[in-house]
Amino acid sequence: MRIAWFSELGEDIRKEMQGLRWLLMTANDLPKATAAWMFAELDGVLIAIDHRGSKFNSGLHNRAIHLLLVDENNGISGITKVITEGELLDNLW
């Protein structure tokens, strides 16, 4: 299973995402990751976000997230799996 952190991707995001099963992000990556969201959905790449330490604001992007790690789950919906314990890498499928 091939995975990569968003912060490791270079200039050609789509090319570097080819063949990925998972693209991992942190909350700080979200404002810079619009192209990655789009390409992930088009190319079948699953997205996992470690959002601990900051408040998660639900929105349209929820449908593109497959795994979300948060400090507490306050009724977050529209995401395949929301967890509050462990690490992202331990919960990938």
PDB file of N, CA and C in Angstrom:
ATOM      1  N   MET A   1       0.858  -1.165   0.000  1.00  0.00           N
ATOM      2  CA  MET A   1       0.000   0.000   0.000  1.00  0.00           C
ATOM      3  C   MET A   1       0.907   1.232   0.000  1.00  0.00           C
ATOM      4  N   ARG A   2       0.703   2.086  -0.975  1.00  0.00           N
ATOM      5  CA  ARG A   2       1.531   3.287  -1.124  1.00  0.00           C
ATOM      6  C   ARG A   2       0.829   4.483  -0.490  1.00  0.00           C
ATOM      7  N   ILE A   3       1.544   5.159   0.412  1.00  0.00           N
ATOM      8  CA  ILE A   3       0.999   6.339   1.080  1.00  0.00           C
ATOM      9  C   ILE A   3       2.002   7.476   0.977  1.00  0.00           C
ATOM     10  N   ALA A   4       1.516   8.708   1.156  1.00  0.00           N
ATOM     11  CA  ALA A   4       2.404   9.875   1.185  1.00  0.00           C
ATOM     12  C   ALA A   4       1.735  10.959   2.019  1.00  0.00           C
ATOM     13  N   TRP A   5       2.569  11.781   2.640  1.00  0.00           N
ATOM     14  CA  TRP A   5       2.075  12.967   3.334  1.00  0.00           C
ATOM     15  C   TRP A   5       2.003  14.098   2.330  1.00  0.00           C
ATOM     16  N   PHE A   6       0.971  14.917   2.432  1.00  0.00           N
ATOM     17  CA  PHE A   6       0.808  16.056   1.538  1.00  0.00           C
ATOM     18  C   PHE A   6       2.062  16.933   1.539  1.00  0.00           C
ATOM     19  N   SER A   7       2.639  17.127   2.695  1.00  0.00           N
ATOM     20  CA  SER A   7       3.821  17.990   2.814  1.00  0.00           C
ATOM     21  C   SER A   7       5.031  17.460   2.052  1.00  0.00           C
ATOM     22  N   GLU A   8       5.022  16.192   1.667  1.00  0.00           N
ATOM     23  CA  GLU A   8       6.125  15.583   0.918  1.00  0.00           C
ATOM     24  C   GLU A   8       5.963  15.727  -0.588  1.00  0.00           C
ATOM     25  N   LEU A   9       4.777  16.128  -1.040  1.00  0.00           N
ATOM     26  CA  LEU A   9       4.533  16.240  -2.476  1.00  0.00           C
ATOM     27  C   LEU A   9       5.250  17.458  -3.039  1.00  0.00           C
ATOM     28  N   GLY A  10       5.728  17.324  -4.262  1.00  0.00           N
ATOM     29  CA  GLY A  10       6.416  18.429  -4.917  1.00  0.00           C
ATOM     30  C   GLY A  10       5.471  19.287  -5.738  1.00  0.00           C
ATOM     31  N   GLU A  11       6.011  19.913  -6.760  1.00  0.00           N
ATOM     32  CA  GLU A  11       5.253  20.840  -7.608  1.00  0.00           C
ATOM     33  C   GLU A  11       4.139  20.163  -8.398  1.00  0.00           C
ATOM     34  N   ASP A  12       4.411  18.986  -8.956  1.00  0.00           N
ATOM     35  CA  ASP A  12       3.421  18.293  -9.780  1.00  0.00           C
ATOM     36  C   ASP A  12       2.621  17.336  -8.896  1.00  0.00           C
ATOM     37  N   ILE A  13       1.657  17.903  -8.189  1.00  0.00           N
ATOM     38  CA  ILE A  13       0.896  17.139  -7.200  1.00  0.00           C
ATOM     39  C   ILE A  13       0.218  15.919  -7.811  1.00  0.00           C
ATOM     40  N   ARG A  14      -0.433  16.105  -8.939  1.00  0.00           N
ATOM     41  CA  ARG A  14      -1.172  14.976  -9.515  1.00  0.00           C
ATOM     42  C   ARG A  14      -0.245  13.837  -9.913  1.00  0.00           C
ATOM     43  N   LYS A  15       0.880  14.164 -10.514  1.00  0.00           N
ATOM     44  CA  LYS A  15       1.829  13.121 -10.918  1.00  0.00           C
ATOM     45  C   LYS A  15       2.340  12.361  -9.694  1.00  0.00           C
ATOM     46  N   GLU A  16       2.638  13.071  -8.638  1.00  0.00           N
ATOM     47  CA  GLU A  16       3.173  12.425  -7.440  1.00  0.00           C
ATOM     48  C   GLU A  16       2.113  11.628  -6.692  1.00  0.00           C
ATOM     49  N   MET A  17       0.840  11.955  -6.916  1.00  0.00           N
ATOM     50  CA  MET A  17      -0.236  11.219  -6.268  1.00  0.00           C
ATOM     51  C   MET A  17      -0.619   9.952  -7.036  1.00  0.00           C
ATOM     52  N   GLN A  18      -0.174   9.812  -8.252  1.00  0.00           N
ATOM     53  CA  GLN A  18      -0.527   8.635  -9.046  1.00  0.00           C
ATOM     54  C   GLN A  18      -0.039   7.366  -8.347  1.00  0.00           C
ATOM     55  N   GLY A  19      -0.934   6.427  -8.215  1.00  0.00           N
ATOM     56  CA  GLY A  19      -0.601   5.152  -7.590  1.00  0.00           C
ATOM     57  C   GLY A  19      -0.708   5.148  -6.074  1.00  0.00           C
ATOM     58  N   LEU A  20      -1.061   6.281  -5.472  1.00  0.00           N
ATOM     59  CA  LEU A  20      -1.228   6.314  -4.020  1.00  0.00           C
ATOM     60  C   LEU A  20      -2.525   5.626  -3.619  1.00  0.00           C
ATOM     61  N   ARG A  21      -2.493   4.972  -2.505  1.00  0.00           N
ATOM     62  CA  ARG A  21      -3.722   4.471  -1.880  1.00  0.00           C
ATOM     63  C   ARG A  21      -4.243   5.539  -0.920  1.00  0.00           C
ATOM     64  N   TRP A  22      -3.317   6.162  -0.156  1.00  0.00           N
ATOM     65  CA  TRP A  22      -3.675   7.162   0.845  1.00  0.00           C
ATOM     66  C   TRP A  22      -2.828   8.403   0.706  1.00  0.00           C
ATOM     67  N   LEU A  23      -3.472   9.555   0.866  1.00  0.00           N
ATOM     68  CA  LEU A  23      -2.791  10.834   1.020  1.00  0.00           C
ATOM     69  C   LEU A  23      -3.089  11.307   2.431  1.00  0.00           C
ATOM     70  N   LEU A  24      -2.046  11.500   3.220  1.00  0.00           N
ATOM     71  CA  LEU A  24      -2.188  11.903   4.611  1.00  0.00           C
ATOM     72  C   LEU A  24      -1.934  13.399   4.738  1.00  0.00           C
ATOM     73  N   MET A  25      -2.715  14.049   5.590  1.00  0.00           N
ATOM     74  CA  MET A  25      -2.588  15.491   5.797  1.00  0.00           C
ATOM     75  C   MET A  25      -2.701  15.816   7.275  1.00  0.00           C
ATOM     76  N   THR A  26      -2.297  17.044   7.595  1.00  0.00           N
ATOM     77  CA  THR A  26      -2.551  17.607   8.913  1.00  0.00           C
ATOM     78  C   THR A  26      -3.538  18.757   8.730  1.00  0.00           C
ATOM     79  N   ALA A  27      -4.060  19.264   9.811  1.00  0.00           N
ATOM     80  CA  ALA A  27      -4.989  20.396   9.741  1.00  0.00           C
ATOM     81  C   ALA A  27      -4.347  21.590   9.045  1.00  0.00           C
ATOM     82  N   ASN A  28      -3.056  21.791   9.245  1.00  0.00           N
ATOM     83  CA  ASN A  28      -2.355  22.922   8.628  1.00  0.00           C
ATOM     84  C   ASN A  28      -2.241  22.802   7.110  1.00  0.00           C
ATOM     85  N   ASP A  29      -2.339  21.594   6.581  1.00  0.00           N
ATOM     86  CA  ASP A  29      -2.245  21.382   5.132  1.00  0.00           C
ATOM     87  C   ASP A  29      -3.517  21.787   4.386  1.00  0.00           C
ATOM     88  N   LEU A  30      -4.647  21.757   5.062  1.00  0.00           N
ATOM     89  CA  LEU A  30      -5.933  21.936   4.389  1.00  0.00           C
ATOM     90  C   LEU A  30      -6.038  23.189   3.524  1.00  0.00           C
ATOM     91  N   PRO A  31      -5.615  24.358   3.985  1.00  0.00           N
ATOM     92  CA  PRO A  31      -5.762  25.549   3.136  1.00  0.00           C
ATOM     93  C   PRO A  31      -4.940  25.498   1.846  1.00  0.00           C
ATOM     94  N   LYS A  32      -3.911  24.658   1.804  1.00  0.00           N
ATOM     95  CA  LYS A  32      -3.038  24.575   0.634  1.00  0.00           C
ATOM     96  C   LYS A  32      -3.344  23.371  -0.247  1.00  0.00           C
ATOM     97  N   ALA A  33      -4.338  22.577   0.116  1.00  0.00           N
ATOM     98  CA  ALA A  33      -4.523  21.271  -0.510  1.00  0.00           C
ATOM     99  C   ALA A  33      -5.694  21.169  -1.488  1.00  0.00           C
ATOM    100  N   THR A  34      -6.184  22.264  -2.003  1.00  0.00           N
ATOM    101  CA  THR A  34      -7.346  22.219  -2.897  1.00  0.00           C
ATOM    102  C   THR A  34      -7.112  21.314  -4.100  1.00  0.00           C
ATOM    103  N   ALA A  35      -5.980  21.444  -4.749  1.00  0.00           N
ATOM    104  CA  ALA A  35      -5.687  20.600  -5.915  1.00  0.00           C
ATOM    105  C   ALA A  35      -5.603  19.128  -5.518  1.00  0.00           C
ATOM    106  N   ALA A  36      -5.022  18.858  -4.378  1.00  0.00           N
ATOM    107  CA  ALA A  36      -4.910  17.476  -3.917  1.00  0.00           C
ATOM    108  C   ALA A  36      -6.284  16.866  -3.681  1.00  0.00           C
ATOM    109  N   TRP A  37      -7.222  17.629  -3.107  1.00  0.00           N
ATOM    110  CA  TRP A  37      -8.587  17.139  -2.892  1.00  0.00           C
ATOM    111  C   TRP A  37      -9.200  16.725  -4.224  1.00  0.00           C
ATOM    112  N   MET A  38      -9.059  17.606  -5.212  1.00  0.00           N
ATOM    113  CA  MET A  38      -9.671  17.371  -6.510  1.00  0.00           C
ATOM    114  C   MET A  38      -9.079  16.131  -7.174  1.00  0.00           C
ATOM    115  N   PHE A  39      -7.766  16.050  -7.211  1.00  0.00           N
ATOM    116  CA  PHE A  39      -7.119  14.915  -7.867  1.00  0.00           C
ATOM    117  C   PHE A  39      -7.387  13.616  -7.113  1.00  0.00           C
ATOM    118  N   ALA A  40      -7.447  13.673  -5.789  1.00  0.00           N
ATOM    119  CA  ALA A  40      -7.717  12.468  -5.006  1.00  0.00           C
ATOM    120  C   ALA A  40      -9.073  11.887  -5.385  1.00  0.00           C
ATOM    121  N   GLU A  41     -10.055  12.745  -5.496  1.00  0.00           N
ATOM    122  CA  GLU A  41     -11.387  12.266  -5.845  1.00  0.00           C
ATOM    123  C   GLU A  41     -11.418  11.698  -7.266  1.00  0.00           C
ATOM    124  N   LEU A  42     -10.757  12.359  -8.193  1.00  0.00           N
ATOM    125  CA  LEU A  42     -10.725  11.892  -9.578  1.00  0.00           C
ATOM    126  C   LEU A  42      -9.965  10.579  -9.740  1.00  0.00           C
ATOM    127  N   ASP A  43      -8.882  10.426  -8.980  1.00  0.00           N
ATOM    128  CA  ASP A  43      -7.979   9.282  -9.166  1.00  0.00           C
ATOM    129  C   ASP A  43      -8.164   8.161  -8.160  1.00  0.00           C
ATOM    130  N   GLY A  44      -9.148   8.291  -7.258  1.00  0.00           N
ATOM    131  CA  GLY A  44      -9.425   7.217  -6.311  1.00  0.00           C
ATOM    132  C   GLY A  44      -8.452   7.115  -5.151  1.00  0.00           C
ATOM    133  N   VAL A  45      -7.802   8.205  -4.798  1.00  0.00           N
ATOM    134  CA  VAL A  45      -6.889   8.224  -3.661  1.00  0.00           C
ATOM    135  C   VAL A  45      -7.700   8.545  -2.411  1.00  0.00           C
ATOM    136  N   LEU A  46      -7.494   7.779  -1.348  1.00  0.00           N
ATOM    137  CA  LEU A  46      -8.191   8.019  -0.097  1.00  0.00           C
ATOM    138  C   LEU A  46      -7.449   9.086   0.705  1.00  0.00           C
ATOM    139  N   ILE A  47      -8.193   9.917   1.440  1.00  0.00           N
ATOM    140  CA  ILE A  47      -7.592  11.001   2.218  1.00  0.00           C
ATOM    141  C   ILE A  47      -7.807  10.760   3.703  1.00  0.00           C
ATOM    142  N   ALA A  48      -6.713  10.897   4.459  1.00  0.00           N
ATOM    143  CA  ALA A  48      -6.755  10.801   5.917  1.00  0.00           C
ATOM    144  C   ALA A  48      -6.154  12.079   6.487  1.00  0.00           C
ATOM    145  N   ILE A  49      -6.810  12.616   7.520  1.00  0.00           N
ATOM    146  CA  ILE A  49      -6.364  13.882   8.105  1.00  0.00           C
ATOM    147  C   ILE A  49      -6.193  13.741   9.608  1.00  0.00           C
ATOM    148  N   ASP A  50      -5.030  14.162  10.086  1.00  0.00           N
ATOM    149  CA  ASP A  50      -4.784  14.268  11.521  1.00  0.00           C
ATOM    150  C   ASP A  50      -5.145  15.700  11.900  1.00  0.00           C
ATOM    151  N   HIS A  51      -6.298  15.867  12.505  1.00  0.00           N
ATOM    152  CA  HIS A  51      -6.804  17.198  12.816  1.00  0.00           C
ATOM    153  C   HIS A  51      -6.753  17.476  14.323  1.00  0.00           C
ATOM    154  N   ARG A  52      -5.944  16.715  15.037  1.00  0.00           N
ATOM    155  CA  ARG A  52      -5.826  16.937  16.478  1.00  0.00           C
ATOM    156  C   ARG A  52      -5.197  18.303  16.747  1.00  0.00           C
ATOM    157  N   GLY A  53      -5.626  18.924  17.820  1.00  0.00           N
ATOM    158  CA  GLY A  53      -5.053  20.200  18.212  1.00  0.00           C
ATOM    159  C   GLY A  53      -5.759  21.416  17.647  1.00  0.00           C
ATOM    160  N   SER A  54      -6.743  21.208  16.783  1.00  0.00           N
ATOM    161  CA  SER A  54      -7.510  22.338  16.253  1.00  0.00           C
ATOM    162  C   SER A  54      -8.945  21.897  15.997  1.00  0.00           C
ATOM    163  N   LYS A  55      -9.835  22.859  15.952  1.00  0.00           N
ATOM    164  CA  LYS A  55     -11.251  22.561  15.767  1.00  0.00           C
ATOM    165  C   LYS A  55     -11.524  22.179  14.314  1.00  0.00           C
ATOM    166  N   PHE A  56     -12.248  21.102  14.117  1.00  0.00           N
ATOM    167  CA  PHE A  56     -12.635  20.671  12.780  1.00  0.00           C
ATOM    168  C   PHE A  56     -13.930  21.348  12.397  1.00  0.00           C
ATOM    169  N   ASN A  57     -13.934  22.034  11.272  1.00  0.00           N
ATOM    170  CA  ASN A  57     -15.134  22.676  10.750  1.00  0.00           C
ATOM    171  C   ASN A  57     -15.669  21.856   9.585  1.00  0.00           C
ATOM    172  N   SER A  58     -16.830  21.297   9.765  1.00  0.00           N
ATOM    173  CA  SER A  58     -17.439  20.497   8.705  1.00  0.00           C
ATOM    174  C   SER A  58     -17.777  21.378   7.509  1.00  0.00           C
ATOM    175  N   GLY A  59     -17.720  20.769   6.343  1.00  0.00           N
ATOM    176  CA  GLY A  59     -18.052  21.493   5.130  1.00  0.00           C
ATOM    177  C   GLY A  59     -18.159  20.543   3.961  1.00  0.00           C
ATOM    178  N   LEU A  60     -18.181  21.102   2.777  1.00  0.00           N
ATOM    179  CA  LEU A  60     -18.283  20.302   1.561  1.00  0.00           C
ATOM    180  C   LEU A  60     -17.137  19.301   1.451  1.00  0.00           C
ATOM    181  N   HIS A  61     -15.962  19.669   1.972  1.00  0.00           N
ATOM    182  CA  HIS A  61     -14.803  18.787   1.887  1.00  0.00           C
ATOM    183  C   HIS A  61     -14.984  17.488   2.682  1.00  0.00           C
ATOM    184  N   ASN A  62     -15.971  17.412   3.581  1.00  0.00           N
ATOM    185  CA  ASN A  62     -16.190  16.187   4.358  1.00  0.00           C
ATOM    186  C   ASN A  62     -16.324  14.957   3.458  1.00  0.00           C
ATOM    187  N   ARG A  63     -16.975  15.124   2.327  1.00  0.00           N
ATOM    188  CA  ARG A  63     -17.225  13.966   1.472  1.00  0.00           C
ATOM    189  C   ARG A  63     -15.950  13.402   0.851  1.00  0.00           C
ATOM    190  N   ALA A  64     -14.863  14.176   0.861  1.00  0.00           N
ATOM    191  CA  ALA A  64     -13.599  13.704   0.299  1.00  0.00           C
ATOM    192  C   ALA A  64     -12.700  13.056   1.350  1.00  0.00           C
ATOM    193  N   ILE A  65     -13.076  13.162   2.625  1.00  0.00           N
ATOM    194  CA  ILE A  65     -12.260  12.614   3.708  1.00  0.00           C
ATOM    195  C   ILE A  65     -12.740  11.207   4.036  1.00  0.00           C
ATOM    196  N   HIS A  66     -11.797  10.292   4.113  1.00  0.00           N
ATOM    197  CA  HIS A  66     -12.134   8.903   4.423  1.00  0.00           C
ATOM    198  C   HIS A  66     -11.794   8.537   5.858  1.00  0.00           C
ATOM    199  N   LEU A  67     -10.776   9.183   6.416  1.00  0.00           N
ATOM    200  CA  LEU A  67     -10.364   8.913   7.791  1.00  0.00           C
ATOM    201  C   LEU A  67      -9.990  10.235   8.435  1.00  0.00           C
ATOM    202  N   LEU A  68     -10.581  10.517   9.594  1.00  0.00           N
ATOM    203  CA  LEU A  68     -10.333  11.767  10.293  1.00  0.00           C
ATOM    204  C   LEU A  68      -9.985  11.463  11.743  1.00  0.00           C
ATOM    205  N   LEU A  69      -8.850  11.979  12.192  1.00  0.00           N
ATOM    206  CA  LEU A  69      -8.413  11.831  13.571  1.00  0.00           C
ATOM    207  C   LEU A  69      -8.577  13.183  14.258  1.00  0.00           C
ATOM    208  N   VAL A  70      -9.436  13.227  15.274  1.00  0.00           N
ATOM    209  CA  VAL A  70      -9.737  14.465  15.990  1.00  0.00           C
ATOM    210  C   VAL A  70      -9.591  14.237  17.493  1.00  0.00           C
ATOM    211  N   ASP A  71      -9.541  15.339  18.244  1.00  0.00           N
ATOM    212  CA  ASP A  71      -9.461  15.237  19.698  1.00  0.00           C
ATOM    213  C   ASP A  71     -10.750  14.674  20.279  1.00  0.00           C
ATOM    214  N   GLU A  72     -11.888  15.126  19.757  1.00  0.00           N
ATOM    215  CA  GLU A  72     -13.174  14.579  20.184  1.00  0.00           C
ATOM    216  C   GLU A  72     -14.174  14.669  19.037  1.00  0.00           C
ATOM    217  N   ASN A  73     -15.010  13.655  18.945  1.00  0.00           N
ATOM    218  CA  ASN A  73     -16.007  13.593  17.874  1.00  0.00           C
ATOM    219  C   ASN A  73     -17.313  14.179  18.389  1.00  0.00           C
ATOM    220  N   ASN A  74     -17.591  15.377  17.945  1.00  0.00           N
ATOM    221  CA  ASN A  74     -18.827  16.048  18.351  1.00  0.00           C
ATOM    222  C   ASN A  74     -19.877  15.936  17.257  1.00  0.00           C
ATOM    223  N   GLY A  75     -20.175  14.725  16.843  1.00  0.00           N
ATOM    224  CA  GLY A  75     -21.216  14.511  15.846  1.00  0.00           C
ATOM    225  C   GLY A  75     -20.782  14.818  14.425  1.00  0.00           C
ATOM    226  N   ILE A  76     -19.504  14.671  14.127  1.00  0.00           N
ATOM    227  CA  ILE A  76     -19.004  14.911  12.768  1.00  0.00           C
ATOM    228  C   ILE A  76     -19.622  13.867  11.848  1.00  0.00           C
ATOM    229  N   SER A  77     -20.189  14.313  10.724  1.00  0.00           N
ATOM    230  CA  SER A  77     -20.821  13.380   9.800  1.00  0.00           C
ATOM    231  C   SER A  77     -20.290  13.591   8.389  1.00  0.00           C
ATOM    232  N   GLY A  78     -20.582  12.634   7.534  1.00  0.00           N
ATOM    233  CA  GLY A  78     -20.188  12.725   6.140  1.00  0.00           C
ATOM    234  C   GLY A  78     -18.791  12.207   5.868  1.00  0.00           C
ATOM    235  N   ILE A  79     -18.163  11.609   6.864  1.00  0.00           N
ATOM    236  CA  ILE A  79     -16.810  11.074   6.746  1.00  0.00           C
ATOM    237  C   ILE A  79     -16.886   9.579   7.032  1.00  0.00           C
ATOM    238  N   THR A  80     -16.165   8.784   6.252  1.00  0.00           N
ATOM    239  CA  THR A  80     -16.254   7.336   6.387  1.00  0.00           C
ATOM    240  C   THR A  80     -15.930   6.862   7.798  1.00  0.00           C
ATOM    241  N   LYS A  81     -14.809   7.342   8.367  1.00  0.00           N
ATOM    242  CA  LYS A  81     -14.406   6.880   9.692  1.00  0.00           C
ATOM    243  C   LYS A  81     -13.791   8.042  10.464  1.00  0.00           C
ATOM    244  N   VAL A  82     -14.327   8.320  11.650  1.00  0.00           N
ATOM    245  CA  VAL A  82     -13.806   9.361  12.534  1.00  0.00           C
ATOM    246  C   VAL A  82     -13.297   8.668  13.784  1.00  0.00           C
ATOM    247  N   ILE A  83     -12.032   8.955  14.133  1.00  0.00           N
ATOM    248  CA  ILE A  83     -11.436   8.330  15.318  1.00  0.00           C
ATOM    249  C   ILE A  83     -10.910   9.409  16.264  1.00  0.00           C
ATOM    250  N   THR A  84     -10.776   9.050  17.524  1.00  0.00           N
ATOM    251  CA  THR A  84     -10.267   9.984  18.527  1.00  0.00           C
ATOM    252  C   THR A  84      -9.045   9.431  19.257  1.00  0.00           C
ATOM    253  N   GLU A  85      -8.614   8.247  18.884  1.00  0.00           N
ATOM    254  CA  GLU A  85      -7.461   7.627  19.538  1.00  0.00           C
ATOM    255  C   GLU A  85      -6.556   6.978  18.507  1.00  0.00           C
ATOM    256  N   GLY A  86      -5.301   6.791  18.856  1.00  0.00           N
ATOM    257  CA  GLY A  86      -4.357   6.117  17.981  1.00  0.00           C
ATOM    258  C   GLY A  86      -3.719   7.080  16.991  1.00  0.00           C
ATOM    259  N   GLU A  87      -3.179   6.524  15.936  1.00  0.00           N
ATOM    260  CA  GLU A  87      -2.500   7.276  14.899  1.00  0.00           C
ATOM    261  C   GLU A  87      -3.138   6.960  13.554  1.00  0.00           C
ATOM    262  N   LEU A  88      -2.998   7.875  12.602  1.00  0.00           N
ATOM    263  CA  LEU A  88      -3.547   7.648  11.266  1.00  0.00           C
ATOM    264  C   LEU A  88      -3.035   6.344  10.670  1.00  0.00           C
ATOM    265  N   LEU A  89      -1.749   6.148  10.721  1.00  0.00           N
ATOM    266  CA  LEU A  89      -1.147   4.965  10.078  1.00  0.00           C
ATOM    267  C   LEU A  89      -1.692   3.653  10.627  1.00  0.00           C
ATOM    268  N   ASP A  90      -2.125   3.664  11.866  1.00  0.00           N
ATOM    269  CA  ASP A  90      -2.665   2.444  12.488  1.00  0.00           C
ATOM    270  C   ASP A  90      -4.096   2.152  12.055  1.00  0.00           C
ATOM    271  N   ASN A  91      -4.739   3.086  11.394  1.00  0.00           N
ATOM    272  CA  ASN A  91      -6.157   2.939  11.041  1.00  0.00           C
ATOM    273  C   ASN A  91      -6.429   2.917   9.550  1.00  0.00           C
ATOM    274  N   LEU A  92      -5.404   2.902   8.731  1.00  0.00           N
ATOM    275  CA  LEU A  92      -5.594   2.856   7.274  1.00  0.00           C
ATOM    276  C   LEU A  92      -6.092   1.485   6.865  1.00  0.00           C
ATOM    277  N   TRP A  93      -6.839   1.425   5.800  1.00  0.00           N
ATOM    278  CA  TRP A  93      -7.310   0.143   5.272  1.00  0.00           C
ATOM    279  C   TRP A  93      -7.000   0.038   3.807  1.00  0.00           C
TER     280      TRP A  93
END
